[in-house]
Amino acid sequence: MKNIYNYILNLFFPKKCINCRREGSYLCEDCLSLIELNQINYCACIKNPLKNKLICDNCPKLISAVFTIFNEKQYICQKLFLKSKTIPDLNAYFSYLIITHLKNITNINLDNSFAIYFENEEVENIAKSLSKFTKIPIKNSSKNILFITKKYPSDDIFKIIKTLNAKKIYIISLFRQIS
């Protein structure tokens, strides 16, 4: 029954790429290939973060590392984020890009020793999608946490992580502006 519903839905309202409007998917392969994952790590410092370091002596003590997935200036990613609020299927692309980024840049093994937390409702569906793909539970009592946020740093992040009883907290920030 669901397949028939999806077929009729696609017949009258076909999926179109959010960038180029090509039919077939919400983000076509060509436009997906235009997204550049962030290749430069910065430490967790709020002011003057150090390049190519995950952590330094001045970083907030509660944070093990900050992984920024995209440069804030990437138009397609900003558009993808805005559209994901009304098209939940787009969150799967974020999950794919987060997993790809973490595999390329870290040696962290994403397994059930982690829990996923999120900053607010703005990134909740991305966190749920990531949980679905990685089989990592949301908000359980794990000692290792992946904390999803739209943009690092923010006051809300620090308020929330102070309440968590975790050994390691890894911030997954979709965007970060480095001045």
Foldseek 3Di string as FASTA:
>chain_A
DVVVVVVVCCVVPFAADLPPRHGDHVNDPVRLVVFDFDPWFFDQDPAPTDINDQHDPPHDPQARGEGATHEPPDPSLVSLLVCCVVVVVSLLSVLVSLVVSCVVHHPDDLAQLEEEAEQDPSCVSNSVSNCVVSVHHHDDQHQEYEYEYAEPDDPSVVVVSVPHNHNHYYYYYHYYDHD
